[in-house]
Every structure is written in structure tokens, then in C-alpha cells.
Amino acid sequence: IDNMISKGPMVVTERVDIFEKEDGSEVELPVLGIFEFEGDKIAKWREYFDLNQFMNQMA
């Protein structure tokens, strides 16, 4: 996680997810995640990323 901020029941994260391809190489994908809590449970979970960047690395 590169950055994280919260306000009330909402937490926003900026991070880089790393996936391993079948050939052993890695794909790095910057992701913005938004989590909304109700009590101690996640009620909503949204993630945003550049699909073109992901697909280009998977090719």
C-alpha cells in the first residue's frame, strides 16, 4: 500500500498489485481501492485500474 486515507466508514487505498504469470514473470498493476464499512465488515468494495495497462502486460 502506497497511500491510505480514511474518513468515517470509508477507507481509500492506493497500491500496486503484483501478479505472477504462468511463465514466472510479474505483472505490476496500480490500483485504487475504496472500502466502505458497516461496523467491522466491508459493505462495499470497489477497485479501479487501467485495464489496457493490465492487458498489455499480460500479452
PDB file of N, CA and C in Angstrom:
ATOM      1  N   ILE A   1       0.858  -1.177   0.000  1.00  0.00           N
ATOM      2  CA  ILE A   1       0.000   0.000   0.000  1.00  0.00           C
ATOM      3  C   ILE A   1       0.895   1.228   0.000  1.00  0.00           C
ATOM      4  N   ASP A   2       0.692   2.084  -0.997  1.00  0.00           N
ATOM      5  CA  ASP A   2       1.479   3.310  -1.109  1.00  0.00           C
ATOM      6  C   ASP A   2       0.867   4.442  -0.296  1.00  0.00           C
ATOM      7  N   ASN A   3      -0.458   4.545  -0.306  1.00  0.00           N
ATOM      8  CA  ASN A   3      -1.171   5.578   0.442  1.00  0.00           C
ATOM      9  C   ASN A   3      -2.483   5.007   0.937  1.00  0.00           C
ATOM     10  N   MET A   4      -2.923   5.520   2.098  1.00  0.00           N
ATOM     11  CA  MET A   4      -4.211   5.114   2.635  1.00  0.00           C
ATOM     12  C   MET A   4      -4.799   6.294   3.397  1.00  0.00           C
ATOM     13  N   ILE A   5      -6.090   6.516   3.197  1.00  0.00           N
ATOM     14  CA  ILE A   5      -6.786   7.595   3.882  1.00  0.00           C
ATOM     15  C   ILE A   5      -8.148   7.073   4.304  1.00  0.00           C
ATOM     16  N   SER A   6      -8.643   7.589   5.417  1.00  0.00           N
ATOM     17  CA  SER A   6      -9.972   7.171   5.860  1.00  0.00           C
ATOM     18  C   SER A   6     -10.754   8.373   6.365  1.00  0.00           C
ATOM     19  N   LYS A   7     -12.059   8.266   6.216  1.00  0.00           N
ATOM     20  CA  LYS A   7     -12.976   9.263   6.757  1.00  0.00           C
ATOM     21  C   LYS A   7     -14.267   8.538   7.083  1.00  0.00           C
ATOM     22  N   GLY A   8     -14.625   8.559   8.348  1.00  0.00           N
ATOM     23  CA  GLY A   8     -15.821   7.832   8.767  1.00  0.00           C
ATOM     24  C   GLY A   8     -15.695   6.364   8.412  1.00  0.00           C
ATOM     25  N   PRO A   9     -16.707   5.794   7.768  1.00  0.00           N
ATOM     26  CA  PRO A   9     -16.685   4.365   7.453  1.00  0.00           C
ATOM     27  C   PRO A   9     -15.978   4.029   6.133  1.00  0.00           C
ATOM     28  N   MET A  10     -15.318   5.024   5.500  1.00  0.00           N
ATOM     29  CA  MET A  10     -14.701   4.802   4.191  1.00  0.00           C
ATOM     30  C   MET A  10     -13.170   4.801   4.301  1.00  0.00           C
ATOM     31  N   VAL A  11     -12.551   3.830   3.629  1.00  0.00           N
ATOM     32  CA  VAL A  11     -11.092   3.746   3.539  1.00  0.00           C
ATOM     33  C   VAL A  11     -10.720   3.685   2.064  1.00  0.00           C
ATOM     34  N   VAL A  12      -9.752   4.523   1.662  1.00  0.00           N
ATOM     35  CA  VAL A  12      -9.274   4.547   0.277  1.00  0.00           C
ATOM     36  C   VAL A  12      -7.803   4.147   0.292  1.00  0.00           C
ATOM     37  N   THR A  13      -7.439   3.190  -0.560  1.00  0.00           N
ATOM     38  CA  THR A  13      -6.047   2.756  -0.657  1.00  0.00           C
ATOM     39  C   THR A  13      -5.527   2.965  -2.074  1.00  0.00           C
ATOM     40  N   GLU A  14      -4.267   3.341  -2.154  1.00  0.00           N
ATOM     41  CA  GLU A  14      -3.537   3.396  -3.419  1.00  0.00           C
ATOM     42  C   GLU A  14      -2.412   2.390  -3.274  1.00  0.00           C
ATOM     43  N   ARG A  15      -2.371   1.438  -4.204  1.00  0.00           N
ATOM     44  CA  ARG A  15      -1.400   0.356  -4.055  1.00  0.00           C
ATOM     45  C   ARG A  15      -0.999  -0.194  -5.419  1.00  0.00           C
ATOM     46  N   VAL A  16      -0.043  -1.111  -5.404  1.00  0.00           N
ATOM     47  CA  VAL A  16       0.361  -1.822  -6.613  1.00  0.00           C
ATOM     48  C   VAL A  16       0.172  -3.312  -6.344  1.00  0.00           C
ATOM     49  N   ASP A  17      -0.715  -3.936  -7.116  1.00  0.00           N
ATOM     50  CA  ASP A  17      -0.911  -5.384  -7.029  1.00  0.00           C
ATOM     51  C   ASP A  17       0.081  -6.059  -7.968  1.00  0.00           C
ATOM     52  N   ILE A  18       0.643  -7.173  -7.528  1.00  0.00           N
ATOM     53  CA  ILE A  18       1.616  -7.912  -8.328  1.00  0.00           C
ATOM     54  C   ILE A  18       1.069  -9.314  -8.576  1.00  0.00           C
ATOM     55  N   PHE A  19       1.017  -9.685  -9.847  1.00  0.00           N
ATOM     56  CA  PHE A  19       0.534 -10.995 -10.266  1.00  0.00           C
ATOM     57  C   PHE A  19       1.683 -11.746 -10.917  1.00  0.00           C
ATOM     58  N   GLU A  20       1.744 -13.046 -10.713  1.00  0.00           N
ATOM     59  CA  GLU A  20       2.749 -13.871 -11.379  1.00  0.00           C
ATOM     60  C   GLU A  20       2.094 -14.585 -12.553  1.00  0.00           C
ATOM     61  N   LYS A  21       2.708 -14.419 -13.734  1.00  0.00           N
ATOM     62  CA  LYS A  21       2.208 -15.085 -14.932  1.00  0.00           C
ATOM     63  C   LYS A  21       2.700 -16.532 -14.963  1.00  0.00           C
ATOM     64  N   GLU A  22       2.118 -17.323 -15.852  1.00  0.00           N
ATOM     65  CA  GLU A  22       2.499 -18.737 -15.961  1.00  0.00           C
ATOM     66  C   GLU A  22       3.975 -18.917 -16.277  1.00  0.00           C
ATOM     67  N   ASP A  23       4.573 -17.943 -17.006  1.00  0.00           N
ATOM     68  CA  ASP A  23       5.992 -18.057 -17.360  1.00  0.00           C
ATOM     69  C   ASP A  23       6.914 -17.586 -16.236  1.00  0.00           C
ATOM     70  N   GLY A  24       6.341 -17.183 -15.095  1.00  0.00           N
ATOM     71  CA  GLY A  24       7.133 -16.752 -13.949  1.00  0.00           C
ATOM     72  C   GLY A  24       7.394 -15.258 -13.894  1.00  0.00           C
ATOM     73  N   SER A  25       7.103 -14.533 -14.971  1.00  0.00           N
ATOM     74  CA  SER A  25       7.292 -13.084 -14.956  1.00  0.00           C
ATOM     75  C   SER A  25       6.159 -12.435 -14.161  1.00  0.00           C
ATOM     76  N   GLU A  26       6.374 -11.177 -13.783  1.00  0.00           N
ATOM     77  CA  GLU A  26       5.395 -10.486 -12.951  1.00  0.00           C
ATOM     78  C   GLU A  26       4.708  -9.355 -13.687  1.00  0.00           C
ATOM     79  N   VAL A  27       3.470  -9.129 -13.329  1.00  0.00           N
ATOM     80  CA  VAL A  27       2.677  -8.008 -13.815  1.00  0.00           C
ATOM     81  C   VAL A  27       2.441  -7.100 -12.615  1.00  0.00           C
ATOM     82  N   GLU A  28       2.747  -5.811 -12.751  1.00  0.00           N
ATOM     83  CA  GLU A  28       2.508  -4.847 -11.683  1.00  0.00           C
ATOM     84  C   GLU A  28       1.393  -3.911 -12.114  1.00  0.00           C
ATOM     85  N   LEU A  29       0.355  -3.809 -11.299  1.00  0.00           N
ATOM     86  CA  LEU A  29      -0.823  -3.041 -11.662  1.00  0.00           C
ATOM     87  C   LEU A  29      -1.180  -2.050 -10.553  1.00  0.00           C
ATOM     88  N   PRO A  30      -1.045  -0.745 -10.820  1.00  0.00           N
ATOM     89  CA  PRO A  30      -1.502   0.251  -9.844  1.00  0.00           C
ATOM     90  C   PRO A  30      -3.023   0.168  -9.689  1.00  0.00           C
ATOM     91  N   VAL A  31      -3.488   0.193  -8.445  1.00  0.00           N
ATOM     92  CA  VAL A  31      -4.912   0.033  -8.144  1.00  0.00           C
ATOM     93  C   VAL A  31      -5.329   1.055  -7.090  1.00  0.00           C
ATOM     94  N   LEU A  32      -6.531   1.596  -7.256  1.00  0.00           N
ATOM     95  CA  LEU A  32      -7.161   2.422  -6.233  1.00  0.00           C
ATOM     96  C   LEU A  32      -8.326   1.618  -5.680  1.00  0.00           C
ATOM     97  N   GLY A  33      -8.341   1.377  -4.383  1.00  0.00           N
ATOM     98  CA  GLY A  33      -9.417   0.618  -3.759  1.00  0.00           C
ATOM     99  C   GLY A  33     -10.211   1.488  -2.805  1.00  0.00           C
ATOM    100  N   ILE A  34     -11.523   1.346  -2.833  1.00  0.00           N
ATOM    101  CA  ILE A  34     -12.404   2.072  -1.919  1.00  0.00           C
ATOM    102  C   ILE A  34     -13.223   1.042  -1.149  1.00  0.00           C
ATOM    103  N   PHE A  35     -13.128   1.108   0.167  1.00  0.00           N
ATOM    104  CA  PHE A  35     -13.826   0.170   1.044  1.00  0.00           C
ATOM    105  C   PHE A  35     -14.767   0.956   1.948  1.00  0.00           C
ATOM    106  N   GLU A  36     -16.012   0.522   2.021  1.00  0.00           N
ATOM    107  CA  GLU A  36     -16.981   1.141   2.920  1.00  0.00           C
ATOM    108  C   GLU A  36     -17.404   0.102   3.953  1.00  0.00           C
ATOM    109  N   PHE A  37     -17.293   0.468   5.212  1.00  0.00           N
ATOM    110  CA  PHE A  37     -17.569  -0.451   6.309  1.00  0.00           C
ATOM    111  C   PHE A  37     -18.925  -0.187   6.940  1.00  0.00           C
ATOM    112  N   GLU A  38     -19.548  -1.262   7.376  1.00  0.00           N
ATOM    113  CA  GLU A  38     -20.706  -1.213   8.261  1.00  0.00           C
ATOM    114  C   GLU A  38     -20.308  -2.025   9.483  1.00  0.00           C
ATOM    115  N   GLY A  39     -20.034  -1.330  10.569  1.00  0.00           N
ATOM    116  CA  GLY A  39     -19.488  -1.999  11.748  1.00  0.00           C
ATOM    117  C   GLY A  39     -18.077  -2.464  11.435  1.00  0.00           C
ATOM    118  N   ASP A  40     -17.802  -3.741  11.675  1.00  0.00           N
ATOM    119  CA  ASP A  40     -16.467  -4.279  11.399  1.00  0.00           C
ATOM    120  C   ASP A  40     -16.414  -5.088  10.106  1.00  0.00           C
ATOM    121  N   LYS A  41     -17.435  -4.955   9.262  1.00  0.00           N
ATOM    122  CA  LYS A  41     -17.492  -5.701   7.994  1.00  0.00           C
ATOM    123  C   LYS A  41     -17.466  -4.755   6.797  1.00  0.00           C
ATOM    124  N   ILE A  42     -16.833  -5.212   5.725  1.00  0.00           N
ATOM    125  CA  ILE A  42     -16.825  -4.438   4.484  1.00  0.00           C
ATOM    126  C   ILE A  42     -18.194  -4.574   3.830  1.00  0.00           C
ATOM    127  N   ALA A  43     -18.864  -3.433   3.621  1.00  0.00           N
ATOM    128  CA  ALA A  43     -20.186  -3.429   2.992  1.00  0.00           C
ATOM    129  C   ALA A  43     -20.083  -3.208   1.487  1.00  0.00           C
ATOM    130  N   LYS A  44     -19.111  -2.407   1.069  1.00  0.00           N
ATOM    131  CA  LYS A  44     -18.882  -2.145  -0.357  1.00  0.00           C
ATOM    132  C   LYS A  44     -17.383  -2.147  -0.610  1.00  0.00           C
ATOM    133  N   TRP A  45     -16.995  -2.704  -1.776  1.00  0.00           N
ATOM    134  CA  TRP A  45     -15.578  -2.809  -2.138  1.00  0.00           C
ATOM    135  C   TRP A  45     -15.488  -2.523  -3.619  1.00  0.00           C
ATOM    136  N   ARG A  46     -14.834  -1.423  -3.957  1.00  0.00           N
ATOM    137  CA  ARG A  46     -14.671  -1.045  -5.363  1.00  0.00           C
ATOM    138  C   ARG A  46     -13.182  -0.879  -5.656  1.00  0.00           C
ATOM    139  N   GLU A  47     -12.768  -1.313  -6.845  1.00  0.00           N
ATOM    140  CA  GLU A  47     -11.378  -1.150  -7.262  1.00  0.00           C
ATOM    141  C   GLU A  47     -11.340  -0.580  -8.669  1.00  0.00           C
ATOM    142  N   TYR A  48     -10.392   0.314  -8.864  1.00  0.00           N
ATOM    143  CA  TYR A  48     -10.231   0.977 -10.154  1.00  0.00           C
ATOM    144  C   TYR A  48      -8.792   0.793 -10.625  1.00  0.00           C
ATOM    145  N   PHE A  49      -8.646   0.431 -11.908  1.00  0.00           N
ATOM    146  CA  PHE A  49      -7.324   0.235 -12.500  1.00  0.00           C
ATOM    147  C   PHE A  49      -7.444   0.430 -14.001  1.00  0.00           C
ATOM    148  N   ASP A  50      -6.304   0.536 -14.648  1.00  0.00           N
ATOM    149  CA  ASP A  50      -6.250   0.727 -16.097  1.00  0.00           C
ATOM    150  C   ASP A  50      -6.225  -0.651 -16.767  1.00  0.00           C
ATOM    151  N   LEU A  51      -7.347  -1.053 -17.330  1.00  0.00           N
ATOM    152  CA  LEU A  51      -7.445  -2.370 -17.963  1.00  0.00           C
ATOM    153  C   LEU A  51      -6.473  -2.499 -19.128  1.00  0.00           C
ATOM    154  N   ASN A  52      -6.260  -1.444 -19.902  1.00  0.00           N
ATOM    155  CA  ASN A  52      -5.312  -1.512 -21.022  1.00  0.00           C
ATOM    156  C   ASN A  52      -3.901  -1.792 -20.531  1.00  0.00           C
ATOM    157  N   GLN A  53      -3.504  -1.163 -19.434  1.00  0.00           N
ATOM    158  CA  GLN A  53      -2.178  -1.413 -18.874  1.00  0.00           C
ATOM    159  C   GLN A  53      -2.050  -2.877 -18.454  1.00  0.00           C
ATOM    160  N   PHE A  54      -3.077  -3.407 -17.827  1.00  0.00           N
ATOM    161  CA  PHE A  54      -3.067  -4.805 -17.405  1.00  0.00           C
ATOM    162  C   PHE A  54      -2.980  -5.743 -18.606  1.00  0.00           C
ATOM    163  N   MET A  55      -3.819  -5.521 -19.618  1.00  0.00           N
ATOM    164  CA  MET A  55      -3.845  -6.387 -20.798  1.00  0.00           C
ATOM    165  C   MET A  55      -2.520  -6.339 -21.558  1.00  0.00           C
ATOM    166  N   ASN A  56      -1.909  -5.163 -21.664  1.00  0.00           N
ATOM    167  CA  ASN A  56      -0.617  -5.048 -22.344  1.00  0.00           C
ATOM    168  C   ASN A  56       0.456  -5.855 -21.631  1.00  0.00           C
ATOM    169  N   GLN A  57       0.432  -5.872 -20.304  1.00  0.00           N
ATOM    170  CA  GLN A  57       1.425  -6.639 -19.555  1.00  0.00           C
ATOM    171  C   GLN A  57       1.154  -8.145 -19.630  1.00  0.00           C
ATOM    172  N   MET A  58      -0.106  -8.514 -19.801  1.00  0.00           N
ATOM    173  CA  MET A  58      -0.452  -9.933 -19.874  1.00  0.00           C
ATOM    174  C   MET A  58      -0.150 -10.531 -21.248  1.00  0.00           C
ATOM    175  N   ALA A  59      -0.011  -9.688 -22.258  1.00  0.00           N
ATOM    176  CA  ALA A  59       0.230 -10.167 -23.630  1.00  0.00           C
ATOM    177  C   ALA A  59       1.593 -10.813 -23.760  1.00  0.00           C
TER     178      ALA A  59
END
